[in-house]
Amino acid sequence: MFRKFPLFILLLIGLASFGFVHQLIFKTTDLLKSLLMTALFIGLVFAVLYFLFIRPRTSSLSSKYKKAVKQSRKKYGASIRKKATAPKNKHKPSPLNRPRPNPPHLKVIDGKRSKNRVGGGG
């Protein structure tokens, strides 16, 4: 495992973990403040990115959908019609009698072996 990471990265991870443990033991309140500030900063950045980029895309789609629904209701009426469901068959067709959805596209081709061979297995 240690051969995968360069020595610089391992040294950096070691120093970071040492600093974290030291601050956890001796300056707990400062550690909690810095963790809280980091979480708030990440949350703020996420909220800004969400409201600037993600939300306008989804709201435009939903507004187009709402317009389409309104137009459809004008054209066809506000009543929602449910299709009558057909009673389900209790009998399932057997696999032998059922027609194949896609006929096989493979074809058996006779080879040049002699057909009068007796017990030729191979």
PDB file of N, CA and C in Angstrom:
ATOM      1  N   MET A   1       0.824  -1.188   0.000  1.00  0.00           N
ATOM      2  CA  MET A   1       0.000   0.000   0.000  1.00  0.00           C
ATOM      3  C   MET A   1       0.869   1.253   0.000  1.00  0.00           C
ATOM      4  N   PHE A   2       1.973   1.230   0.766  1.00  0.00           N
ATOM      5  CA  PHE A   2       2.798   2.419   0.869  1.00  0.00           C
ATOM      6  C   PHE A   2       3.579   2.686  -0.406  1.00  0.00           C
ATOM      7  N   ARG A   3       3.744   1.701  -1.249  1.00  0.00           N
ATOM      8  CA  ARG A   3       4.489   1.914  -2.486  1.00  0.00           C
ATOM      9  C   ARG A   3       3.632   2.626  -3.536  1.00  0.00           C
ATOM     10  N   LYS A   4       2.327   2.627  -3.370  1.00  0.00           N
ATOM     11  CA  LYS A   4       1.446   3.287  -4.336  1.00  0.00           C
ATOM     12  C   LYS A   4       1.507   4.809  -4.197  1.00  0.00           C
ATOM     13  N   PHE A   5       1.673   5.327  -2.976  1.00  0.00           N
ATOM     14  CA  PHE A   5       1.690   6.764  -2.731  1.00  0.00           C
ATOM     15  C   PHE A   5       3.135   7.261  -2.668  1.00  0.00           C
ATOM     16  N   PRO A   6       3.385   8.423  -3.231  1.00  0.00           N
ATOM     17  CA  PRO A   6       4.721   9.005  -3.088  1.00  0.00           C
ATOM     18  C   PRO A   6       4.988   9.408  -1.639  1.00  0.00           C
ATOM     19  N   LEU A   7       6.235   9.548  -1.303  1.00  0.00           N
ATOM     20  CA  LEU A   7       6.636   9.870   0.062  1.00  0.00           C
ATOM     21  C   LEU A   7       6.079  11.220   0.503  1.00  0.00           C
ATOM     22  N   PHE A   8       6.006  12.192  -0.408  1.00  0.00           N
ATOM     23  CA  PHE A   8       5.497  13.523  -0.087  1.00  0.00           C
ATOM     24  C   PHE A   8       4.047  13.470   0.387  1.00  0.00           C
ATOM     25  N   ILE A   9       3.222  12.680  -0.283  1.00  0.00           N
ATOM     26  CA  ILE A   9       1.800  12.589   0.082  1.00  0.00           C
ATOM     27  C   ILE A   9       1.646  11.901   1.436  1.00  0.00           C
ATOM     28  N   LEU A  10       2.441  10.857   1.676  1.00  0.00           N
ATOM     29  CA  LEU A  10       2.372  10.187   2.980  1.00  0.00           C
ATOM     30  C   LEU A  10       2.805  11.124   4.093  1.00  0.00           C
ATOM     31  N   LEU A  11       3.832  11.937   3.854  1.00  0.00           N
ATOM     32  CA  LEU A  11       4.292  12.893   4.852  1.00  0.00           C
ATOM     33  C   LEU A  11       3.213  13.946   5.118  1.00  0.00           C
ATOM     34  N   LEU A  12       2.551  14.401   4.067  1.00  0.00           N
ATOM     35  CA  LEU A  12       1.486  15.384   4.211  1.00  0.00           C
ATOM     36  C   LEU A  12       0.310  14.831   5.009  1.00  0.00           C
ATOM     37  N   ILE A  13      -0.091  13.587   4.717  1.00  0.00           N
ATOM     38  CA  ILE A  13      -1.196  12.958   5.464  1.00  0.00           C
ATOM     39  C   ILE A  13      -0.805  12.768   6.924  1.00  0.00           C
ATOM     40  N   GLY A  14       0.428  12.374   7.170  1.00  0.00           N
ATOM     41  CA  GLY A  14       0.895  12.192   8.546  1.00  0.00           C
ATOM     42  C   GLY A  14       0.884  13.489   9.329  1.00  0.00           C
ATOM     43  N   LEU A  15       1.367  14.568   8.734  1.00  0.00           N
ATOM     44  CA  LEU A  15       1.361  15.855   9.423  1.00  0.00           C
ATOM     45  C   LEU A  15      -0.065  16.357   9.675  1.00  0.00           C
ATOM     46  N   ALA A  16      -0.954  16.150   8.712  1.00  0.00           N
ATOM     47  CA  ALA A  16      -2.344  16.578   8.893  1.00  0.00           C
ATOM     48  C   ALA A  16      -3.006  15.805  10.030  1.00  0.00           C
ATOM     49  N   SER A  17      -2.791  14.501  10.078  1.00  0.00           N
ATOM     50  CA  SER A  17      -3.398  13.715  11.162  1.00  0.00           C
ATOM     51  C   SER A  17      -2.795  14.096  12.509  1.00  0.00           C
ATOM     52  N   PHE A  18      -1.474  14.370  12.556  1.00  0.00           N
ATOM     53  CA  PHE A  18      -0.851  14.810  13.809  1.00  0.00           C
ATOM     54  C   PHE A  18      -1.441  16.139  14.264  1.00  0.00           C
ATOM     55  N   GLY A  19      -1.616  17.091  13.331  1.00  0.00           N
ATOM     56  CA  GLY A  19      -2.190  18.383  13.687  1.00  0.00           C
ATOM     57  C   GLY A  19      -3.625  18.255  14.151  1.00  0.00           C
ATOM     58  N   PHE A  20      -4.387  17.370  13.511  1.00  0.00           N
ATOM     59  CA  PHE A  20      -5.783  17.169  13.910  1.00  0.00           C
ATOM     60  C   PHE A  20      -5.870  16.604  15.322  1.00  0.00           C
ATOM     61  N   VAL A  21      -5.071  15.590  15.609  1.00  0.00           N
ATOM     62  CA  VAL A  21      -5.094  14.979  16.943  1.00  0.00           C
ATOM     63  C   VAL A  21      -4.613  15.983  17.990  1.00  0.00           C
ATOM     64  N   HIS A  22      -3.572  16.746  17.691  1.00  0.00           N
ATOM     65  CA  HIS A  22      -3.060  17.748  18.637  1.00  0.00           C
ATOM     66  C   HIS A  22      -4.124  18.791  18.942  1.00  0.00           C
ATOM     67  N   GLN A  23      -4.801  19.275  17.901  1.00  0.00           N
ATOM     68  CA  GLN A  23      -5.838  20.282  18.107  1.00  0.00           C
ATOM     69  C   GLN A  23      -7.045  19.681  18.830  1.00  0.00           C
ATOM     70  N   LEU A  24      -7.332  18.398  18.574  1.00  0.00           N
ATOM     71  CA  LEU A  24      -8.450  17.737  19.259  1.00  0.00           C
ATOM     72  C   LEU A  24      -8.180  17.629  20.753  1.00  0.00           C
ATOM     73  N   ILE A  25      -6.935  17.361  21.118  1.00  0.00           N
ATOM     74  CA  ILE A  25      -6.605  17.188  22.532  1.00  0.00           C
ATOM     75  C   ILE A  25      -6.478  18.531  23.253  1.00  0.00           C
ATOM     76  N   PHE A  26      -5.748  19.479  22.679  1.00  0.00           N
ATOM     77  CA  PHE A  26      -5.411  20.702  23.406  1.00  0.00           C
ATOM     78  C   PHE A  26      -6.324  21.890  23.087  1.00  0.00           C
ATOM     79  N   LYS A  27      -6.862  21.971  21.890  1.00  0.00           N
ATOM     80  CA  LYS A  27      -7.693  23.128  21.510  1.00  0.00           C
ATOM     81  C   LYS A  27      -9.002  22.634  20.894  1.00  0.00           C
ATOM     82  N   THR A  28      -9.791  21.998  21.684  1.00  0.00           N
ATOM     83  CA  THR A  28     -11.009  21.374  21.179  1.00  0.00           C
ATOM     84  C   THR A  28     -12.001  22.409  20.655  1.00  0.00           C
ATOM     85  N   THR A  29     -12.165  23.509  21.361  1.00  0.00           N
ATOM     86  CA  THR A  29     -13.139  24.511  20.920  1.00  0.00           C
ATOM     87  C   THR A  29     -12.712  25.150  19.598  1.00  0.00           C
ATOM     88  N   ASP A  30     -11.412  25.391  19.432  1.00  0.00           N
ATOM     89  CA  ASP A  30     -10.949  25.951  18.167  1.00  0.00           C
ATOM     90  C   ASP A  30     -11.173  24.954  17.019  1.00  0.00           C
ATOM     91  N   LEU A  31     -10.965  23.689  17.310  1.00  0.00           N
ATOM     92  CA  LEU A  31     -11.196  22.658  16.292  1.00  0.00           C
ATOM     93  C   LEU A  31     -12.666  22.620  15.888  1.00  0.00           C
ATOM     94  N   LEU A  32     -13.555  22.669  16.875  1.00  0.00           N
ATOM     95  CA  LEU A  32     -14.984  22.654  16.575  1.00  0.00           C
ATOM     96  C   LEU A  32     -15.399  23.901  15.791  1.00  0.00           C
ATOM     97  N   LYS A  33     -14.825  25.060  16.151  1.00  0.00           N
ATOM     98  CA  LYS A  33     -15.130  26.289  15.419  1.00  0.00           C
ATOM     99  C   LYS A  33     -14.679  26.179  13.971  1.00  0.00           C
ATOM    100  N   SER A  34     -13.467  25.672  13.772  1.00  0.00           N
ATOM    101  CA  SER A  34     -12.958  25.589  12.398  1.00  0.00           C
ATOM    102  C   SER A  34     -13.758  24.570  11.584  1.00  0.00           C
ATOM    103  N   LEU A  35     -14.159  23.452  12.207  1.00  0.00           N
ATOM    104  CA  LEU A  35     -14.983  22.469  11.489  1.00  0.00           C
ATOM    105  C   LEU A  35     -16.356  23.050  11.143  1.00  0.00           C
ATOM    106  N   LEU A  36     -16.925  23.805  12.065  1.00  0.00           N
ATOM    107  CA  LEU A  36     -18.222  24.430  11.816  1.00  0.00           C
ATOM    108  C   LEU A  36     -18.125  25.478  10.706  1.00  0.00           C
ATOM    109  N   MET A  37     -17.072  26.284  10.735  1.00  0.00           N
ATOM    110  CA  MET A  37     -16.881  27.300   9.690  1.00  0.00           C
ATOM    111  C   MET A  37     -16.667  26.643   8.330  1.00  0.00           C
ATOM    112  N   THR A  38     -15.922  25.538   8.301  1.00  0.00           N
ATOM    113  CA  THR A  38     -15.697  24.826   7.049  1.00  0.00           C
ATOM    114  C   THR A  38     -17.013  24.269   6.516  1.00  0.00           C
ATOM    115  N   ALA A  39     -17.810  23.685   7.388  1.00  0.00           N
ATOM    116  CA  ALA A  39     -19.100  23.131   6.966  1.00  0.00           C
ATOM    117  C   ALA A  39     -20.023  24.239   6.458  1.00  0.00           C
ATOM    118  N   LEU A  40     -20.037  25.380   7.134  1.00  0.00           N
ATOM    119  CA  LEU A  40     -20.872  26.499   6.685  1.00  0.00           C
ATOM    120  C   LEU A  40     -20.396  27.035   5.332  1.00  0.00           C
ATOM    121  N   PHE A  41     -19.083  27.129   5.153  1.00  0.00           N
ATOM    122  CA  PHE A  41     -18.545  27.610   3.885  1.00  0.00           C
ATOM    123  C   PHE A  41     -18.901  26.665   2.743  1.00  0.00           C
ATOM    124  N   ILE A  42     -18.751  25.357   2.967  1.00  0.00           N
ATOM    125  CA  ILE A  42     -19.096  24.372   1.934  1.00  0.00           C
ATOM    126  C   ILE A  42     -20.598  24.419   1.644  1.00  0.00           C
ATOM    127  N   GLY A  43     -21.414  24.555   2.683  1.00  0.00           N
ATOM    128  CA  GLY A  43     -22.857  24.663   2.488  1.00  0.00           C
ATOM    129  C   GLY A  43     -23.238  25.911   1.709  1.00  0.00           C
ATOM    130  N   LEU A  44     -22.563  27.023   1.994  1.00  0.00           N
ATOM    131  CA  LEU A  44     -22.832  28.268   1.282  1.00  0.00           C
ATOM    132  C   LEU A  44     -22.451  28.156  -0.193  1.00  0.00           C
ATOM    133  N   VAL A  45     -21.289  27.575  -0.468  1.00  0.00           N
ATOM    134  CA  VAL A  45     -20.854  27.391  -1.858  1.00  0.00           C
ATOM    135  C   VAL A  45     -21.830  26.474  -2.594  1.00  0.00           C
ATOM    136  N   PHE A  46     -22.246  25.398  -1.946  1.00  0.00           N
ATOM    137  CA  PHE A  46     -23.199  24.480  -2.559  1.00  0.00           C
ATOM    138  C   PHE A  46     -24.526  25.170  -2.842  1.00  0.00           C
ATOM    139  N   ALA A  47     -25.011  25.979  -1.893  1.00  0.00           N
ATOM    140  CA  ALA A  47     -26.286  26.666  -2.079  1.00  0.00           C
ATOM    141  C   ALA A  47     -26.205  27.651  -3.240  1.00  0.00           C
ATOM    142  N   VAL A  48     -25.094  28.392  -3.337  1.00  0.00           N
ATOM    143  CA  VAL A  48     -24.938  29.349  -4.434  1.00  0.00           C
ATOM    144  C   VAL A  48     -24.916  28.617  -5.769  1.00  0.00           C
ATOM    145  N   LEU A  49     -24.136  27.535  -5.847  1.00  0.00           N
ATOM    146  CA  LEU A  49     -24.067  26.769  -7.094  1.00  0.00           C
ATOM    147  C   LEU A  49     -25.416  26.159  -7.440  1.00  0.00           C
ATOM    148  N   TYR A  50     -26.134  25.693  -6.439  1.00  0.00           N
ATOM    149  CA  TYR A  50     -27.441  25.084  -6.678  1.00  0.00           C
ATOM    150  C   TYR A  50     -28.422  26.110  -7.229  1.00  0.00           C
ATOM    151  N   PHE A  51     -28.502  27.274  -6.592  1.00  0.00           N
ATOM    152  CA  PHE A  51     -29.487  28.270  -7.017  1.00  0.00           C
ATOM    153  C   PHE A  51     -29.103  28.930  -8.334  1.00  0.00           C
ATOM    154  N   LEU A  52     -27.818  28.981  -8.648  1.00  0.00           N
ATOM    155  CA  LEU A  52     -27.407  29.605  -9.903  1.00  0.00           C
ATOM    156  C   LEU A  52     -27.499  28.668 -11.099  1.00  0.00           C
ATOM    157  N   PHE A  53     -27.128  27.398 -10.912  1.00  0.00           N
ATOM    158  CA  PHE A  53     -27.012  26.507 -12.058  1.00  0.00           C
ATOM    159  C   PHE A  53     -28.062  25.401 -12.115  1.00  0.00           C
ATOM    160  N   ILE A  54     -28.333  24.748 -11.024  1.00  0.00           N
ATOM    161  CA  ILE A  54     -29.199  23.566 -11.048  1.00  0.00           C
ATOM    162  C   ILE A  54     -30.679  23.950 -11.023  1.00  0.00           C
ATOM    163  N   ARG A  55     -31.054  24.849 -10.149  1.00  0.00           N
ATOM    164  CA  ARG A  55     -32.463  25.187  -9.980  1.00  0.00           C
ATOM    165  C   ARG A  55     -33.098  25.817 -11.214  1.00  0.00           C
ATOM    166  N   PRO A  56     -32.448  26.754 -11.914  1.00  0.00           N
ATOM    167  CA  PRO A  56     -33.103  27.330 -13.105  1.00  0.00           C
ATOM    168  C   PRO A  56     -33.393  26.288 -14.181  1.00  0.00           C
ATOM    169  N   ARG A  57     -32.532  25.307 -14.322  1.00  0.00           N
ATOM    170  CA  ARG A  57     -32.771  24.265 -15.322  1.00  0.00           C
ATOM    171  C   ARG A  57     -34.023  23.469 -15.001  1.00  0.00           C
ATOM    172  N   THR A  58     -34.161  23.041 -13.758  1.00  0.00           N
ATOM    173  CA  THR A  58     -35.320  22.219 -13.397  1.00  0.00           C
ATOM    174  C   THR A  58     -36.602  23.035 -13.385  1.00  0.00           C
ATOM    175  N   SER A  59     -36.533  24.289 -12.979  1.00  0.00           N
ATOM    176  CA  SER A  59     -37.761  25.085 -12.935  1.00  0.00           C
ATOM    177  C   SER A  59     -38.257  25.394 -14.339  1.00  0.00           C
ATOM    178  N   SER A  60     -37.346  25.584 -15.303  1.00  0.00           N
ATOM    179  CA  SER A  60     -37.802  25.851 -16.659  1.00  0.00           C
ATOM    180  C   SER A  60     -38.491  24.621 -17.241  1.00  0.00           C
ATOM    181  N   LEU A  61     -37.992  23.444 -16.901  1.00  0.00           N
ATOM    182  CA  LEU A  61     -38.640  22.230 -17.378  1.00  0.00           C
ATOM    183  C   LEU A  61     -40.011  22.073 -16.757  1.00  0.00           C
ATOM    184  N   SER A  62     -40.112  22.349 -15.463  1.00  0.00           N
ATOM    185  CA  SER A  62     -41.417  22.193 -14.827  1.00  0.00           C
ATOM    186  C   SER A  62     -42.400  23.259 -15.320  1.00  0.00           C
ATOM    187  N   SER A  63     -41.914  24.456 -15.625  1.00  0.00           N
ATOM    188  CA  SER A  63     -42.840  25.471 -16.138  1.00  0.00           C
ATOM    189  C   SER A  63     -43.328  25.091 -17.525  1.00  0.00           C
ATOM    190  N   LYS A  64     -42.451  24.514 -18.345  1.00  0.00           N
ATOM    191  CA  LYS A  64     -42.884  24.036 -19.660  1.00  0.00           C
ATOM    192  C   LYS A  64     -43.900  22.908 -19.505  1.00  0.00           C
ATOM    193  N   TYR A  65     -43.666  22.043 -18.539  1.00  0.00           N
ATOM    194  CA  TYR A  65     -44.603  20.944 -18.290  1.00  0.00           C
ATOM    195  C   TYR A  65     -45.957  21.483 -17.853  1.00  0.00           C
ATOM    196  N   LYS A  66     -45.937  22.477 -16.965  1.00  0.00           N
ATOM    197  CA  LYS A  66     -47.197  23.051 -16.493  1.00  0.00           C
ATOM    198  C   LYS A  66     -47.965  23.713 -17.631  1.00  0.00           C
ATOM    199  N   LYS A  67     -47.237  24.388 -18.534  1.00  0.00           N
ATOM    200  CA  LYS A  67     -47.896  24.992 -19.689  1.00  0.00           C
ATOM    201  C   LYS A  67     -48.525  23.930 -20.576  1.00  0.00           C
ATOM    202  N   ALA A  68     -47.818  22.824 -20.768  1.00  0.00           N
ATOM    203  CA  ALA A  68     -48.341  21.754 -21.601  1.00  0.00           C
ATOM    204  C   ALA A  68     -49.576  21.128 -20.972  1.00  0.00           C
ATOM    205  N   VAL A  69     -49.563  20.958 -19.663  1.00  0.00           N
ATOM    206  CA  VAL A  69     -50.730  20.395 -18.968  1.00  0.00           C
ATOM    207  C   VAL A  69     -51.922  21.328 -19.110  1.00  0.00           C
ATOM    208  N   LYS A  70     -51.670  22.619 -18.964  1.00  0.00           N
ATOM    209  CA  LYS A  70     -52.761  23.592 -19.074  1.00  0.00           C
ATOM    210  C   LYS A  70     -53.353  23.573 -20.477  1.00  0.00           C
ATOM    211  N   GLN A  71     -52.484  23.514 -21.480  1.00  0.00           N
ATOM    212  CA  GLN A  71     -52.951  23.479 -22.865  1.00  0.00           C
ATOM    213  C   GLN A  71     -53.720  22.198 -23.145  1.00  0.00           C
ATOM    214  N   SER A  72     -53.246  21.090 -22.603  1.00  0.00           N
ATOM    215  CA  SER A  72     -53.921  19.812 -22.807  1.00  0.00           C
ATOM    216  C   SER A  72     -55.301  19.813 -22.152  1.00  0.00           C
ATOM    217  N   ARG A  73     -55.391  20.416 -20.975  1.00  0.00           N
ATOM    218  CA  ARG A  73     -56.692  20.476 -20.297  1.00  0.00           C
ATOM    219  C   ARG A  73     -57.673  21.347 -21.063  1.00  0.00           C
ATOM    220  N   LYS A  74     -57.169  22.408 -21.669  1.00  0.00           N
ATOM    221  CA  LYS A  74     -58.051  23.244 -22.489  1.00  0.00           C
ATOM    222  C   LYS A  74     -58.578  22.459 -23.678  1.00  0.00           C
ATOM    223  N   LYS A  75     -57.700  21.703 -24.288  1.00  0.00           N
ATOM    224  CA  LYS A  75     -58.073  20.992 -25.509  1.00  0.00           C
ATOM    225  C   LYS A  75     -58.975  19.801 -25.232  1.00  0.00           C
ATOM    226  N   TYR A  76     -58.621  19.006 -24.245  1.00  0.00           N
ATOM    227  CA  TYR A  76     -59.351  17.754 -24.009  1.00  0.00           C
ATOM    228  C   TYR A  76     -60.312  17.808 -22.836  1.00  0.00           C
ATOM    229  N   GLY A  77     -60.318  18.860 -22.087  1.00  0.00           N
ATOM    230  CA  GLY A  77     -61.205  18.948 -20.936  1.00  0.00           C
ATOM    231  C   GLY A  77     -60.442  18.592 -19.668  1.00  0.00           C
ATOM    232  N   ALA A  78     -60.990  19.005 -18.559  1.00  0.00           N
ATOM    233  CA  ALA A  78     -60.291  18.826 -17.287  1.00  0.00           C
ATOM    234  C   ALA A  78     -60.459  17.431 -16.710  1.00  0.00           C
ATOM    235  N   SER A  79     -61.405  16.654 -17.232  1.00  0.00           N
ATOM    236  CA  SER A  79     -61.634  15.333 -16.652  1.00  0.00           C
ATOM    237  C   SER A  79     -60.503  14.392 -17.044  1.00  0.00           C
ATOM    238  N   ILE A  80     -60.129  13.601 -16.106  1.00  0.00           N
ATOM    239  CA  ILE A  80     -59.081  12.611 -16.351  1.00  0.00           C
ATOM    240  C   ILE A  80     -59.761  11.272 -16.562  1.00  0.00           C
ATOM    241  N   ARG A  81     -59.525  10.691 -17.712  1.00  0.00           N
ATOM    242  CA  ARG A  81     -60.165   9.417 -18.037  1.00  0.00           C
ATOM    243  C   ARG A  81     -59.184   8.288 -17.805  1.00  0.00           C
ATOM    244  N   LYS A  82     -59.664   7.285 -17.109  1.00  0.00           N
ATOM    245  CA  LYS A  82     -58.833   6.105 -16.895  1.00  0.00           C
ATOM    246  C   LYS A  82     -59.230   5.045 -17.909  1.00  0.00           C
ATOM    247  N   LYS A  83     -58.242   4.394 -18.439  1.00  0.00           N
ATOM    248  CA  LYS A  83     -58.535   3.313 -19.375  1.00  0.00           C
ATOM    249  C   LYS A  83     -59.030   2.103 -18.600  1.00  0.00           C
ATOM    250  N   ALA A  84     -60.000   1.430 -19.182  1.00  0.00           N
ATOM    251  CA  ALA A  84     -60.517   0.229 -18.547  1.00  0.00           C
ATOM    252  C   ALA A  84     -59.473  -0.866 -18.680  1.00  0.00           C
ATOM    253  N   THR A  85     -59.163  -1.490 -17.558  1.00  0.00           N
ATOM    254  CA  THR A  85     -58.160  -2.545 -17.597  1.00  0.00           C
ATOM    255  C   THR A  85     -58.829  -3.854 -17.952  1.00  0.00           C
ATOM    256  N   ALA A  86     -58.213  -4.576 -18.830  1.00  0.00           N
ATOM    257  CA  ALA A  86     -58.741  -5.879 -19.232  1.00  0.00           C
ATOM    258  C   ALA A  86     -58.466  -6.885 -18.126  1.00  0.00           C
ATOM    259  N   PRO A  87     -59.382  -7.821 -17.920  1.00  0.00           N
ATOM    260  CA  PRO A  87     -59.121  -8.828 -16.892  1.00  0.00           C
ATOM    261  C   PRO A  87     -57.898  -9.653 -17.273  1.00  0.00           C
ATOM    262  N   LYS A  88     -57.102  -9.922 -16.275  1.00  0.00           N
ATOM    263  CA  LYS A  88     -55.866 -10.657 -16.539  1.00  0.00           C
ATOM    264  C   LYS A  88     -56.179 -12.132 -16.781  1.00  0.00           C
ATOM    265  N   ASN A  89     -55.451 -12.709 -17.712  1.00  0.00           N
ATOM    266  CA  ASN A  89     -55.631 -14.133 -18.009  1.00  0.00           C
ATOM    267  C   ASN A  89     -55.088 -14.963 -16.865  1.00  0.00           C
ATOM    268  N   LYS A  90     -55.898 -15.934 -16.469  1.00  0.00           N
ATOM    269  CA  LYS A  90     -55.439 -16.836 -15.426  1.00  0.00           C
ATOM    270  C   LYS A  90     -54.583 -17.941 -16.011  1.00  0.00           C
ATOM    271  N   HIS A  91     -54.763 -18.193 -17.290  1.00  0.00           N
ATOM    272  CA  HIS A  91     -53.998 -19.253 -17.940  1.00  0.00           C
ATOM    273  C   HIS A  91     -52.827 -18.633 -18.671  1.00  0.00           C
ATOM    274  N   LYS A  92     -51.656 -19.128 -18.396  1.00  0.00           N
ATOM    275  CA  LYS A  92     -50.490 -18.670 -19.141  1.00  0.00           C
ATOM    276  C   LYS A  92     -50.245 -19.660 -20.264  1.00  0.00           C
ATOM    277  N   PRO A  93     -49.940 -19.175 -21.437  1.00  0.00           N
ATOM    278  CA  PRO A  93     -49.674 -20.108 -22.525  1.00  0.00           C
ATOM    279  C   PRO A  93     -48.400 -20.898 -22.233  1.00  0.00           C
ATOM    280  N   SER A  94     -48.437 -22.143 -22.597  1.00  0.00           N
ATOM    281  CA  SER A  94     -47.266 -22.972 -22.334  1.00  0.00           C
ATOM    282  C   SER A  94     -46.125 -22.509 -23.227  1.00  0.00           C
ATOM    283  N   PRO A  95     -44.901 -22.712 -22.803  1.00  0.00           N
ATOM    284  CA  PRO A  95     -43.779 -22.214 -23.591  1.00  0.00           C
ATOM    285  C   PRO A  95     -43.674 -22.884 -24.957  1.00  0.00           C
ATOM    286  N   LEU A  96     -44.229 -24.087 -25.112  1.00  0.00           N
ATOM    287  CA  LEU A  96     -44.123 -24.761 -26.399  1.00  0.00           C
ATOM    288  C   LEU A  96     -45.110 -24.195 -27.414  1.00  0.00           C
ATOM    289  N   ASN A  97     -46.291 -23.776 -26.944  1.00  0.00           N
ATOM    290  CA  ASN A  97     -47.324 -23.292 -27.856  1.00  0.00           C
ATOM    291  C   ASN A  97     -47.209 -21.788 -28.119  1.00  0.00           C
ATOM    292  N   ARG A  98     -46.434 -21.116 -27.341  1.00  0.00           N
ATOM    293  CA  ARG A  98     -46.328 -19.666 -27.465  1.00  0.00           C
ATOM    294  C   ARG A  98     -45.499 -19.308 -28.701  1.00  0.00           C
ATOM    295  N   PRO A  99     -45.981 -18.384 -29.510  1.00  0.00           N
ATOM    296  CA  PRO A  99     -45.192 -17.992 -30.691  1.00  0.00           C
ATOM    297  C   PRO A  99     -43.960 -17.202 -30.260  1.00  0.00           C
ATOM    298  N   ARG A 100     -42.885 -17.374 -30.986  1.00  0.00           N
ATOM    299  CA  ARG A 100     -41.650 -16.672 -30.652  1.00  0.00           C
ATOM    300  C   ARG A 100     -41.766 -15.215 -31.053  1.00  0.00           C
ATOM    301  N   PRO A 101     -41.274 -14.306 -30.215  1.00  0.00           N
ATOM    302  CA  PRO A 101     -41.362 -12.888 -30.574  1.00  0.00           C
ATOM    303  C   PRO A 101     -40.459 -12.547 -31.755  1.00  0.00           C
ATOM    304  N   ASN A 102     -39.273 -13.086 -31.786  1.00  0.00           N
ATOM    305  CA  ASN A 102     -38.355 -12.843 -32.891  1.00  0.00           C
ATOM    306  C   ASN A 102     -37.871 -14.192 -33.406  1.00  0.00           C
ATOM    307  N   PRO A 103     -38.169 -14.521 -34.654  1.00  0.00           N
ATOM    308  CA  PRO A 103     -37.687 -15.806 -35.160  1.00  0.00           C
ATOM    309  C   PRO A 103     -36.157 -15.799 -35.219  1.00  0.00           C
ATOM    310  N   PRO A 104     -35.552 -16.935 -34.982  1.00  0.00           N
ATOM    311  CA  PRO A 104     -34.088 -16.960 -34.978  1.00  0.00           C
ATOM    312  C   PRO A 104     -33.543 -16.668 -36.374  1.00  0.00           C
ATOM    313  N   HIS A 105     -32.448 -15.957 -36.431  1.00  0.00           N
ATOM    314  CA  HIS A 105     -31.863 -15.593 -37.704  1.00  0.00           C
ATOM    315  C   HIS A 105     -30.699 -16.506 -38.078  1.00  0.00           C
ATOM    316  N   LEU A 106     -30.527 -17.563 -37.307  1.00  0.00           N
ATOM    317  CA  LEU A 106     -29.445 -18.497 -37.578  1.00  0.00           C
ATOM    318  C   LEU A 106     -29.943 -19.624 -38.461  1.00  0.00           C
ATOM    319  N   LYS A 107     -29.066 -20.157 -39.266  1.00  0.00           N
ATOM    320  CA  LYS A 107     -29.442 -21.196 -40.208  1.00  0.00           C
ATOM    321  C   LYS A 107     -28.456 -22.345 -40.080  1.00  0.00           C
ATOM    322  N   VAL A 108     -28.961 -23.586 -40.108  1.00  0.00           N
ATOM    323  CA  VAL A 108     -28.093 -24.752 -40.016  1.00  0.00           C
ATOM    324  C   VAL A 108     -27.517 -25.030 -41.399  1.00  0.00           C
ATOM    325  N   ILE A 109     -26.219 -25.128 -41.449  1.00  0.00           N
ATOM    326  CA  ILE A 109     -25.545 -25.396 -42.720  1.00  0.00           C
ATOM    327  C   ILE A 109     -24.917 -26.774 -42.641  1.00  0.00           C
ATOM    328  N   ASP A 110     -25.248 -27.635 -43.607  1.00  0.00           N
ATOM    329  CA  ASP A 110     -24.670 -28.978 -43.635  1.00  0.00           C
ATOM    330  C   ASP A 110     -23.204 -28.880 -44.033  1.00  0.00           C
ATOM    331  N   GLY A 111     -22.373 -29.598 -43.286  1.00  0.00           N
ATOM    332  CA  GLY A 111     -20.949 -29.589 -43.590  1.00  0.00           C
ATOM    333  C   GLY A 111     -20.617 -30.618 -44.659  1.00  0.00           C
ATOM    334  N   LYS A 112     -19.321 -30.815 -44.910  1.00  0.00           N
ATOM    335  CA  LYS A 112     -18.889 -31.735 -45.948  1.00  0.00           C
ATOM    336  C   LYS A 112     -18.501 -33.093 -45.381  1.00  0.00           C
ATOM    337  N   ARG A 113     -18.943 -33.393 -44.169  1.00  0.00           N
ATOM    338  CA  ARG A 113     -18.644 -34.710 -43.587  1.00  0.00           C
ATOM    339  C   ARG A 113     -19.446 -35.760 -44.305  1.00  0.00           C
ATOM    340  N   SER A 114     -18.896 -36.924 -44.337  1.00  0.00           N
ATOM    341  CA  SER A 114     -19.638 -38.010 -44.993  1.00  0.00           C
ATOM    342  C   SER A 114     -20.774 -38.436 -44.093  1.00  0.00           C
ATOM    343  N   LYS A 115     -21.936 -38.654 -44.680  1.00  0.00           N
ATOM    344  CA  LYS A 115     -23.129 -38.950 -43.913  1.00  0.00           C
ATOM    345  C   LYS A 115     -23.251 -40.433 -43.579  1.00  0.00           C
ATOM    346  N   ASN A 116     -22.440 -41.279 -44.194  1.00  0.00           N
ATOM    347  CA  ASN A 116     -22.549 -42.723 -43.940  1.00  0.00           C
ATOM    348  C   ASN A 116     -21.547 -43.173 -42.883  1.00  0.00           C
ATOM    349  N   ARG A 117     -21.016 -42.293 -42.129  1.00  0.00           N
ATOM    350  CA  ARG A 117     -20.086 -42.621 -41.055  1.00  0.00           C
ATOM    351  C   ARG A 117     -20.855 -43.299 -39.930  1.00  0.00           C
ATOM    352  N   VAL A 118     -20.303 -44.350 -39.361  1.00  0.00           N
ATOM    353  CA  VAL A 118     -20.959 -45.068 -38.282  1.00  0.00           C
ATOM    354  C   VAL A 118     -20.268 -44.713 -36.988  1.00  0.00           C
ATOM    355  N   GLY A 119     -21.034 -44.187 -36.065  1.00  0.00           N
ATOM    356  CA  GLY A 119     -20.501 -43.909 -34.725  1.00  0.00           C
ATOM    357  C   GLY A 119     -19.416 -42.835 -34.753  1.00  0.00           C
ATOM    358  N   GLY A 120     -19.435 -41.992 -35.716  1.00  0.00           N
ATOM    359  CA  GLY A 120     -18.418 -40.929 -35.791  1.00  0.00           C
ATOM    360  C   GLY A 120     -18.731 -39.823 -34.822  1.00  0.00           C
ATOM    361  N   GLY A 121     -18.012 -39.775 -33.760  1.00  0.00           N
ATOM    362  CA  GLY A 121     -18.313 -38.793 -32.749  1.00  0.00           C
ATOM    363  C   GLY A 121     -17.326 -37.655 -32.712  1.00  0.00           C
ATOM    364  N   GLY A 122     -16.683 -37.322 -33.752  1.00  0.00           N
ATOM    365  CA  GLY A 122     -15.872 -36.207 -33.489  1.00  0.00           C
ATOM    366  C   GLY A 122     -15.068 -35.644 -34.505  1.00  0.00           C
TER     367      GLY A 122
END
